[in-house]
């Protein structure tokens, strides 16, 4: 076997190290729950454990993410169904064929993931996973020796870019005084004033950070990819483009029943498809027109996935069969999200989140945004929600920024960058990708960590330069 380049050897070494010691995401969530309960109890003092347990199990804790969990489970189900539709399958295969070798294929997956996440994080998360799986199938079909977990990690890379894109929670929630008041309170909101997207998302700092990450991601993952024919740690891609227990063909000609009763014909009738697709598509158009695109949220994404999957399958029975595997794969979401809701409830209710958020509030103005970025990254491990983190950290950081003469736009974006940064360590967001690609968290976290460090250095450098 030829000698591997240093970065490739580092990638495999880190991946093996994490693979030995990284448990299942459910075990990680249980461990973080116990740590948070103990820390919350110590923070409160007398009767702290009882209070922490009550906060954990309250409506604002364990059950606070039920609606979000339902949205994500439906997104995974519909995304899986869409990936199984013959036209989408052929389109993804054609895109994967554009890359002539393993390095460019891995780089292409990272580029697609980051590009889609810049438009909408949920779209990038699901479609990045779908494309990673398809690219793995294409590599196997062409006989390319390609490390599949690295390909899947590249499909997750966009989750470290999203908060500087069009669906970034903090920038979107700071554009009006009403939204700022909801998070910062009336007095602080009046001092900060609305922050337009031209200053936040289109500002010089964010353009440098986000465009840099967008271009850096493919380069990092290509550097971690061994040359064609070299794979010291083989890990073949799962067969098929969707979970293995799902029929590979779900188009109109697949699995047609032998009998042709009236009910059978109804279940295969395109009329049923269009009876739902037309009003649903009209609702999307009306919402986009009435709100100038501001209504593009998780519900709109799910409705769009529903319409596309239904139309591209062409028949109700094919669509339902395609949804079966995705629904079974959503178990991880339904189990994990309540646990993280409980963690968030304890962190907020006991003041732990506020304490972490204010850890570097007294820092020198020249390093204020950089330290805010680091603290936001740490807080994201316990509060893995862009909106939740902005609500917890925003008031403390923005007040301190004004007191120290730091640009509040830069302070807000530092929170956003920290929130996206440690997504590479946070199994909460990786669950849909793991379900779609069939890999385990321990298989990809080593590569994600290397990308996290490379991207983190770029973000920190940009923040430091902007503070000079």
Protein backbone atom coordinates (compact mmCIF):
# COMPACT_ATOMS: atom_id res chain seq x y z
CA UNK A 1 0.00 0.00 0.00
CA UNK A 2 1.44 3.41 -0.92
CA UNK A 3 2.27 5.84 1.86
CA UNK A 4 -0.70 8.06 2.68
CA UNK A 5 -0.44 11.87 2.85
CA UNK A 6 -0.26 13.29 6.40
CA UNK A 7 -3.80 14.75 6.38
CA UNK A 8 -5.28 11.46 5.18
CA UNK A 9 -3.42 9.56 7.92
CA UNK A 10 -4.62 12.12 10.47
CA UNK A 11 -8.21 11.73 9.28
CA UNK A 12 -8.16 7.96 9.63
CA UNK A 13 -6.41 8.15 13.02
CA UNK A 14 -8.93 10.62 14.44
CA UNK A 15 -11.83 8.63 13.00
CA UNK A 16 -10.54 5.41 14.61
CA UNK A 17 -9.98 7.18 17.93
CA UNK A 18 -13.51 8.57 18.05
CA UNK A 19 -14.87 5.26 16.79
CA UNK A 20 -13.49 3.47 19.84
CA UNK A 21 -14.86 5.89 22.43
CA UNK A 22 -17.99 7.51 20.94
CA UNK A 23 -21.22 5.84 22.11
CA UNK A 24 -24.59 5.89 20.39
CA UNK A 25 -26.27 9.36 20.29
CA UNK A 26 -28.97 8.12 22.67
CA UNK A 27 -26.34 7.17 25.26
CA UNK A 28 -24.66 10.57 24.75
CA UNK A 29 -28.00 12.33 25.34
CA UNK A 30 -28.64 10.33 28.53
CA UNK A 31 -25.15 11.16 29.81
CA UNK A 32 -25.61 14.86 29.05
CA UNK A 33 -28.97 14.75 30.82
CA UNK A 34 -27.38 13.40 34.01
CA UNK A 35 -24.53 15.95 33.86
CA UNK A 36 -27.01 18.79 33.36
CA UNK A 37 -29.24 17.65 36.22
CA UNK A 38 -26.29 17.48 38.62
CA UNK A 39 -24.89 20.84 37.46
CA UNK A 40 -28.33 22.42 37.71
CA UNK A 41 -28.82 21.07 41.22
CA UNK A 42 -25.45 22.48 42.32
CA UNK A 43 -26.27 25.85 40.75
CA UNK A 44 -29.57 26.15 42.62
CA UNK A 45 -28.33 24.96 46.02
CA UNK A 46 -30.81 23.66 48.62
CA UNK A 47 -33.54 21.63 46.97
CA UNK A 48 -31.70 22.01 43.69
CA UNK A 49 -32.06 18.42 42.53
CA UNK A 50 -35.83 18.48 42.98
CA UNK A 51 -36.06 21.77 41.09
CA UNK A 52 -33.79 20.49 38.32
CA UNK A 53 -35.88 17.34 37.87
CA UNK A 54 -39.08 19.40 37.78
CA UNK A 55 -37.60 21.74 35.17
CA UNK A 56 -36.45 18.74 33.17
CA UNK A 57 -39.87 17.07 33.12
CA UNK A 58 -41.98 20.24 32.72
CA UNK A 59 -43.73 21.39 29.57
CA UNK A 60 -40.87 23.81 28.94
CA UNK A 61 -38.32 21.00 29.24
CA UNK A 62 -38.76 17.39 28.20
CA UNK A 63 -41.82 18.13 26.06
CA UNK A 64 -40.80 21.52 24.64
CA UNK A 65 -39.49 20.09 21.36
CA UNK A 66 -42.37 17.76 20.53
CA UNK A 67 -43.65 19.94 17.69
CA UNK A 68 -40.12 20.34 16.34
CA UNK A 69 -39.51 16.58 16.63
CA UNK A 70 -42.68 15.94 14.65
CA UNK A 71 -41.56 18.39 11.96
CA UNK A 72 -38.14 16.77 11.68
CA UNK A 73 -39.55 13.23 11.67
CA UNK A 74 -41.93 14.20 8.86
CA UNK A 75 -39.06 15.87 7.00
CA UNK A 76 -36.98 12.70 7.24
CA UNK A 77 -39.92 10.57 6.07
CA UNK A 78 -40.72 12.82 3.12
CA UNK A 79 -37.06 13.37 2.25
CA UNK A 80 -36.51 9.62 2.10
CA UNK A 81 -39.58 9.24 -0.10
CA UNK A 82 -38.36 12.01 -2.39
CA UNK A 83 -34.93 10.39 -2.70
CA UNK A 84 -36.62 7.13 -3.73
CA UNK A 85 -38.57 8.74 -6.57
CA UNK A 86 -37.10 7.57 -9.90
CA UNK A 87 -36.58 11.10 -11.38
CA UNK A 88 -34.75 12.29 -8.25
CA UNK A 89 -32.67 9.13 -8.13
CA UNK A 90 -31.60 9.63 -11.73
CA UNK A 91 -30.85 13.33 -11.13
CA UNK A 92 -28.67 12.64 -8.08
CA UNK A 93 -26.85 9.90 -9.97
CA UNK A 94 -26.17 12.28 -12.87
CA UNK A 95 -24.82 14.90 -10.45
CA UNK A 96 -22.56 12.32 -8.78
CA UNK A 97 -21.21 11.26 -12.17
CA UNK A 98 -19.81 14.78 -12.69
CA UNK A 99 -16.95 13.97 -10.29
CA UNK A 100 -14.30 11.82 -12.02
CA UNK A 101 -12.56 10.47 -8.92
CA UNK A 102 -13.04 9.88 -5.17
CA UNK A 103 -11.51 13.18 -4.04
CA UNK A 104 -13.65 15.29 -6.30
CA UNK A 105 -16.71 13.23 -5.40
CA UNK A 106 -16.19 13.90 -1.69
CA UNK A 107 -15.52 17.58 -2.42
CA UNK A 108 -18.69 17.78 -4.52
CA UNK A 109 -20.79 16.33 -1.69
CA UNK A 110 -19.38 18.90 0.76
CA UNK A 111 -19.96 21.72 -1.73
CA UNK A 112 -23.58 20.68 -2.36
CA UNK A 113 -24.27 20.34 1.38
CA UNK A 114 -22.88 23.82 2.13
CA UNK A 115 -24.65 25.43 -0.82
CA UNK A 116 -28.04 24.02 0.15
CA UNK A 117 -27.57 24.92 3.83
CA UNK A 118 -26.92 28.52 2.82
CA UNK A 119 -30.44 28.59 1.37
CA UNK A 120 -32.14 26.62 4.14
CA UNK A 121 -30.56 24.52 6.87
CA UNK A 122 -33.22 21.79 6.86
CA UNK A 123 -33.08 21.45 3.08
CA UNK A 124 -29.30 21.14 3.23
CA UNK A 125 -29.41 18.62 6.08
CA UNK A 126 -31.78 16.20 4.35
CA UNK A 127 -30.64 16.70 0.75
CA UNK A 128 -26.96 16.63 1.75
CA UNK A 129 -27.54 13.23 3.34
CA UNK A 130 -29.49 12.01 0.33
CA UNK A 131 -26.73 13.08 -2.05
CA UNK A 132 -24.01 11.52 0.14
CA UNK A 133 -25.81 8.19 -0.03
CA UNK A 134 -26.29 8.44 -3.77
CA UNK A 135 -22.63 9.38 -4.25
CA UNK A 136 -21.65 6.30 -2.23
CA UNK A 137 -23.75 4.11 -4.51
CA UNK A 138 -22.20 5.77 -7.57
CA UNK A 139 -18.69 5.16 -6.24
CA UNK A 140 -19.46 1.49 -5.70
CA UNK A 141 -21.00 1.17 -9.15
CA UNK A 142 -17.87 2.66 -10.73
CA UNK A 143 -15.57 0.53 -8.59
CA UNK A 144 -14.04 3.52 -6.78
CA UNK A 145 -12.37 2.77 -3.46
CA UNK A 146 -13.93 5.45 -1.28
CA UNK A 147 -14.32 5.66 2.48
CA UNK A 148 -18.10 5.94 2.91
CA UNK A 149 -18.16 7.59 6.40
CA UNK A 150 -15.96 10.40 5.03
CA UNK A 151 -18.51 10.92 2.25
CA UNK A 152 -21.33 11.07 4.81
CA UNK A 153 -19.38 13.54 6.97
CA UNK A 154 -19.01 15.72 3.87
CA UNK A 155 -22.80 15.59 3.48
CA UNK A 156 -23.10 17.03 7.00
CA UNK A 157 -20.52 19.81 6.46
CA UNK A 158 -23.16 22.42 5.61
CA UNK A 159 -24.44 22.46 9.18
CA UNK A 160 -21.33 24.49 10.04
CA UNK A 161 -22.26 27.14 7.46
CA UNK A 162 -26.02 27.54 7.81
CA UNK A 163 -26.31 30.34 10.40
CA UNK A 164 -24.60 32.77 8.07
CA UNK A 165 -27.13 31.94 5.34
CA UNK A 166 -30.68 32.85 4.44
CA UNK A 167 -32.28 30.77 7.23
CA UNK A 168 -30.03 32.04 10.03
CA UNK A 169 -32.18 32.49 13.14
CA UNK A 170 -30.35 35.33 14.88
CA UNK A 171 -29.99 37.61 11.82
CA UNK A 172 -33.61 37.05 10.79
CA UNK A 173 -34.85 37.71 14.34
CA UNK A 174 -33.00 41.04 14.58
CA UNK A 175 -34.45 42.82 11.54
CA UNK A 176 -37.40 44.45 13.32
CA UNK A 177 -37.74 46.21 16.67
CA UNK A 178 -40.61 43.89 17.61
CA UNK A 179 -38.48 40.77 17.11
CA UNK A 180 -35.57 42.31 19.00
CA UNK A 181 -37.85 43.33 21.88
CA UNK A 182 -39.12 39.76 22.16
CA UNK A 183 -35.57 38.53 22.83
CA UNK A 184 -33.72 41.50 24.34
CA UNK A 185 -36.48 43.36 26.13
CA UNK A 186 -37.70 46.88 25.24
CA UNK A 187 -34.85 48.91 26.76
CA UNK A 188 -31.96 46.91 25.29
CA UNK A 189 -33.76 46.48 21.96
CA UNK A 190 -34.11 50.26 21.69
CA UNK A 191 -30.38 50.70 22.37
CA UNK A 192 -29.39 48.10 19.76
CA UNK A 193 -31.95 49.03 17.12
CA UNK A 194 -33.00 46.80 14.21
CA UNK A 195 -30.12 45.16 12.35
CA UNK A 196 -30.81 44.87 8.64
CA UNK A 197 -29.75 41.86 6.60
CA UNK A 198 -27.47 44.12 4.57
CA UNK A 199 -25.45 44.68 7.75
CA UNK A 200 -25.58 41.11 9.08
CA UNK A 201 -25.82 38.50 6.32
CA UNK A 202 -24.47 40.80 3.59
CA UNK A 203 -21.97 42.59 5.82
CA UNK A 204 -18.24 42.30 5.25
CA UNK A 205 -17.67 40.04 8.28
CA UNK A 206 -20.30 37.48 7.34
CA UNK A 207 -19.32 37.46 3.68
CA UNK A 208 -15.71 36.74 4.67
CA UNK A 209 -16.66 34.03 7.19
CA UNK A 210 -19.39 32.31 5.19
CA UNK A 211 -17.84 32.45 1.72
CA UNK A 212 -14.58 31.27 3.25
CA UNK A 213 -16.26 28.28 4.92
CA UNK A 214 -18.22 27.52 1.74
CA UNK A 215 -14.97 27.28 -0.24
CA UNK A 216 -12.93 25.70 2.55
CA UNK A 217 -15.25 22.74 3.20
CA UNK A 218 -14.66 20.94 -0.13
CA UNK A 219 -10.90 21.53 0.17
CA UNK A 220 -10.75 20.09 3.70
CA UNK A 221 -12.70 16.96 2.81
CA UNK A 222 -10.76 16.48 -0.42
CA UNK A 223 -7.52 16.71 1.58
CA UNK A 224 -8.81 13.96 3.90
CA UNK A 225 -9.63 11.66 0.98
CA UNK A 226 -7.03 9.05 -0.05
CA UNK A 227 -6.13 8.65 -3.71
CA UNK A 228 -8.11 6.32 -5.97
CA UNK A 229 -7.50 2.68 -5.14
CA UNK A 230 -6.27 3.38 -1.60
CA UNK A 231 -8.57 2.78 1.35
CA UNK A 232 -6.83 1.45 4.47
CA UNK A 233 -10.12 1.41 6.36
CA UNK A 234 -12.83 0.16 3.96
CA UNK A 235 -16.42 0.83 4.86
CA UNK A 236 -18.77 0.03 1.96
CA UNK A 237 -21.84 2.11 1.29
CA UNK A 238 -25.19 0.52 2.08
CA UNK A 239 -26.91 -0.91 -0.95
CA UNK A 240 -29.67 1.15 -2.49
CA UNK A 241 -30.47 4.84 -2.20
CA UNK A 242 -32.78 4.45 0.74
CA UNK A 243 -32.77 2.13 3.77
CA UNK A 244 -32.32 -1.50 2.77
CA UNK A 245 -35.75 -2.67 3.92
CA UNK A 246 -37.43 -0.48 1.31
CA UNK A 247 -38.21 -1.65 -2.23
CA UNK A 248 -35.61 -0.16 -4.62
CA UNK A 249 -38.25 0.74 -7.18
CA UNK A 250 -41.30 2.73 -6.15
CA UNK A 251 -42.34 4.19 -9.47
CA UNK A 252 -45.67 3.61 -11.23
CA UNK A 253 -44.60 0.28 -12.70
CA UNK A 254 -43.22 -1.22 -9.50
CA UNK A 255 -45.14 -3.78 -7.47
CA UNK A 256 -48.38 -3.47 -9.39
CA UNK A 257 -50.98 -5.79 -7.81
CA UNK A 258 -52.49 -8.54 -9.90
CA UNK A 259 -56.14 -7.66 -9.25
CA UNK A 260 -57.77 -4.53 -10.60
CA UNK A 261 -60.73 -3.83 -8.35
CA UNK A 262 -62.09 -0.34 -8.05
CA UNK A 263 -60.23 0.26 -4.79
CA UNK A 264 -56.96 -0.96 -6.29
CA UNK A 265 -57.33 1.38 -9.23
CA UNK A 266 -58.12 4.26 -6.85
CA UNK A 267 -54.98 3.56 -4.80
CA UNK A 268 -52.90 3.72 -7.99
CA UNK A 269 -54.74 6.64 -9.58
CA UNK A 270 -52.77 9.81 -10.41
CA UNK A 271 -56.02 11.71 -9.79
CA UNK A 272 -55.56 11.17 -6.05
CA UNK A 273 -52.04 12.57 -6.32
CA UNK A 274 -53.16 15.74 -8.06
CA UNK A 275 -56.19 16.14 -5.78
CA UNK A 276 -53.73 16.82 -2.94
CA UNK A 277 -50.76 18.23 -4.84
CA UNK A 278 -52.60 21.08 -6.58
CA UNK A 279 -54.10 22.77 -3.49
CA UNK A 280 -50.88 22.17 -1.53
CA UNK A 281 -48.78 23.77 -4.27
CA UNK A 282 -51.24 26.67 -4.47
CA UNK A 283 -50.94 27.18 -0.70
CA UNK A 284 -47.15 27.40 -1.02
CA UNK A 285 -47.40 29.94 -3.82
CA UNK A 286 -49.92 32.06 -1.91
CA UNK A 287 -47.80 32.02 1.26
CA UNK A 288 -44.62 32.97 -0.61
CA UNK A 289 -46.40 35.77 -2.49
CA UNK A 290 -48.16 37.20 0.56
CA UNK A 291 -45.03 37.26 2.73
CA UNK A 292 -42.37 37.94 0.07
CA UNK A 293 -40.72 34.62 0.87
CA UNK A 294 -40.63 35.13 4.65
CA UNK A 295 -42.98 32.16 5.16
CA UNK A 296 -40.29 29.63 4.17
CA UNK A 297 -40.14 27.73 7.45
CA UNK A 298 -40.07 24.05 8.39
CA UNK A 299 -43.77 23.64 7.66
CA UNK A 300 -43.34 25.14 4.19
CA UNK A 301 -40.33 22.92 3.50
CA UNK A 302 -42.29 19.85 4.60
CA UNK A 303 -45.26 20.77 2.43
CA UNK A 304 -42.95 21.30 -0.55
CA UNK A 305 -41.29 17.91 0.07
CA UNK A 306 -44.74 16.34 0.32
CA UNK A 307 -45.87 17.81 -3.01
CA UNK A 308 -42.64 16.93 -4.81
CA UNK A 309 -42.48 13.36 -3.49
CA UNK A 310 -46.14 12.73 -4.26
CA UNK A 311 -45.95 14.11 -7.81
CA UNK A 312 -42.66 12.45 -8.69
CA UNK A 313 -43.86 9.04 -7.52
CA UNK A 314 -47.03 9.57 -9.52
CA UNK A 315 -49.24 7.18 -7.55
CA UNK A 316 -50.52 7.11 -3.96
CA UNK A 317 -49.48 3.49 -3.31
CA UNK A 318 -45.91 4.11 -4.52
CA UNK A 319 -45.66 7.25 -2.38
CA UNK A 320 -46.91 5.47 0.75
CA UNK A 321 -44.49 2.56 0.25
CA UNK A 322 -41.63 5.03 -0.15
CA UNK A 323 -42.58 6.76 3.13
CA UNK A 324 -42.57 3.53 5.15
CA UNK A 325 -38.78 3.24 5.47
CA UNK A 326 -38.35 6.92 6.33
CA UNK A 327 -40.99 6.68 9.04
CA UNK A 328 -39.17 3.74 10.62
CA UNK A 329 -35.86 5.61 10.42
CA UNK A 330 -37.32 8.58 12.34
CA UNK A 331 -37.26 6.68 15.66
CA UNK A 332 -33.96 8.32 16.61
CA UNK A 333 -35.48 11.79 16.25
CA UNK A 334 -38.50 10.92 18.36
CA UNK A 335 -36.28 9.48 21.12
CA UNK A 336 -33.52 12.11 21.19
CA UNK A 337 -35.33 15.42 20.79
CA UNK A 338 -37.31 15.20 24.08
CA UNK A 339 -34.07 14.50 25.96
CA UNK A 340 -32.45 17.62 24.53
CA UNK A 341 -35.60 19.57 25.31
CA UNK A 342 -35.17 18.51 28.94
CA UNK A 343 -31.52 19.55 28.91
CA UNK A 344 -32.46 22.97 27.53
CA UNK A 345 -35.17 23.37 30.17
CA UNK A 346 -32.72 22.71 33.02
CA UNK A 347 -30.02 24.92 31.50
CA UNK A 348 -32.38 27.88 31.17
CA UNK A 349 -34.38 27.40 34.38
CA UNK A 350 -31.39 27.02 36.71
CA UNK A 351 -29.44 29.90 35.19
CA UNK A 352 -26.66 27.66 33.86
CA UNK A 353 -27.19 28.85 30.30
CA UNK A 354 -27.02 32.51 31.33
CA UNK A 355 -23.86 31.84 33.35
CA UNK A 356 -22.18 30.19 30.37
CA UNK A 357 -23.37 32.96 28.06
CA UNK A 358 -21.87 35.63 30.30
CA UNK A 359 -18.59 33.81 30.86
CA UNK A 360 -16.62 36.20 28.64
CA UNK A 361 -18.88 39.26 28.87
CA UNK A 362 -16.12 41.28 30.59
CA UNK A 363 -13.51 40.49 27.93
CA UNK A 364 -11.32 43.06 26.19
CA UNK A 365 -13.16 44.58 23.17
CA UNK A 366 -10.44 43.29 20.81
CA UNK A 367 -11.18 39.65 21.70
CA UNK A 368 -14.81 40.05 22.79
CA UNK A 369 -16.39 38.59 19.64
CA UNK A 370 -13.86 35.74 19.45
CA UNK A 371 -14.52 34.68 23.05
CA UNK A 372 -18.27 35.08 22.48
CA UNK A 373 -17.91 32.70 19.54
CA UNK A 374 -16.12 30.13 21.73
CA UNK A 375 -18.66 30.39 24.56
CA UNK A 376 -21.52 30.08 22.07
CA UNK A 377 -19.95 26.93 20.69
CA UNK A 378 -19.77 25.40 24.16
CA UNK A 379 -23.33 26.45 24.98
CA UNK A 380 -24.54 24.88 21.73
CA UNK A 381 -23.61 21.45 23.07
CA UNK A 382 -26.33 21.84 25.71
CA UNK A 383 -28.76 24.15 23.90
CA UNK A 384 -28.59 22.87 20.29
CA UNK A 385 -31.10 25.32 18.89
CA UNK A 386 -30.26 28.52 17.04
CA UNK A 387 -33.38 30.28 18.29
CA UNK A 388 -32.97 28.99 21.84
CA UNK A 389 -29.35 30.04 21.99
CA UNK A 390 -30.09 33.54 20.66
CA UNK A 391 -32.79 33.91 23.33
CA UNK A 392 -30.42 32.83 26.12
CA UNK A 393 -27.16 34.44 25.03
CA UNK A 394 -28.44 37.42 23.05
CA UNK A 395 -29.41 39.75 25.94
CA UNK A 396 -26.16 39.20 27.85
CA UNK A 397 -23.84 39.49 24.87
CA UNK A 398 -25.58 42.46 23.23
CA UNK A 399 -25.64 44.46 26.45
CA UNK A 400 -21.95 43.76 27.09
CA UNK A 401 -21.09 44.62 23.48
CA UNK A 402 -22.72 48.05 23.73
CA UNK A 403 -21.01 48.75 27.05
CA UNK A 404 -17.59 47.95 25.52
CA UNK A 405 -18.10 49.72 22.23
CA UNK A 406 -18.22 46.49 20.21
CA UNK A 407 -20.29 46.48 17.02
CA UNK A 408 -23.58 44.74 18.03
CA UNK A 409 -23.87 43.21 14.55
CA UNK A 410 -20.51 41.51 14.99
CA UNK A 411 -21.50 40.35 18.48
CA UNK A 412 -24.73 38.85 17.15
CA UNK A 413 -22.92 37.06 14.32
CA UNK A 414 -20.36 35.69 16.80
CA UNK A 415 -23.24 33.95 18.59
CA UNK A 416 -24.47 32.61 15.25
CA UNK A 417 -21.03 31.28 14.32
CA UNK A 418 -20.60 29.55 17.67
CA UNK A 419 -24.03 27.97 17.33
CA UNK A 420 -23.14 26.42 13.97
CA UNK A 421 -19.53 25.60 14.88
CA UNK A 422 -20.08 22.77 17.35
CA UNK A 423 -22.88 21.20 15.33
CA UNK A 424 -20.02 18.99 14.15
CA UNK A 425 -19.79 17.53 17.68
CA UNK A 426 -23.51 17.62 18.44
CA UNK A 427 -25.35 14.34 17.56
CA UNK A 428 -28.70 16.15 17.90
CA UNK A 429 -28.55 17.49 14.33
CA UNK A 430 -26.82 14.46 12.83
CA UNK A 431 -29.71 12.07 13.55
CA UNK A 432 -31.52 12.60 10.21
CA UNK A 433 -28.27 12.13 8.28
CA UNK A 434 -27.41 8.97 10.21
CA UNK A 435 -30.83 7.53 9.44
CA UNK A 436 -30.63 8.33 5.72
CA UNK A 437 -27.04 7.20 5.15
CA UNK A 438 -27.01 4.20 7.48
CA UNK A 439 -23.77 5.15 9.28
CA UNK A 440 -23.22 5.52 13.02
CA UNK A 441 -22.26 8.74 14.78
CA UNK A 442 -18.91 7.24 15.73
CA UNK A 443 -18.14 6.67 12.03
CA UNK A 444 -18.30 10.36 11.06
CA UNK A 445 -17.55 12.37 14.18
CA UNK A 446 -13.77 12.18 13.74
CA UNK A 447 -13.93 13.74 10.29
CA UNK A 448 -16.50 16.29 11.47
CA UNK A 449 -14.17 17.27 14.32
CA UNK A 450 -11.30 17.96 11.92
CA UNK A 451 -13.61 20.11 9.79
CA UNK A 452 -14.77 21.85 12.97
CA UNK A 453 -11.20 22.78 13.92
CA UNK A 454 -10.31 23.97 10.41
CA UNK A 455 -13.49 26.04 10.13
CA UNK A 456 -13.15 27.31 13.69
CA UNK A 457 -9.69 28.70 12.97
CA UNK A 458 -11.06 30.56 9.95
CA UNK A 459 -13.99 32.01 11.92
CA UNK A 460 -11.76 33.07 14.83
CA UNK A 461 -9.28 34.71 12.46
CA UNK A 462 -12.06 36.68 10.73
CA UNK A 463 -13.50 37.83 14.07
CA UNK A 464 -10.09 38.94 15.34
CA UNK A 465 -9.32 40.86 12.16
CA UNK A 466 -12.74 42.53 12.22
CA UNK A 467 -12.09 43.69 15.81
CA UNK A 468 -8.81 45.44 15.06
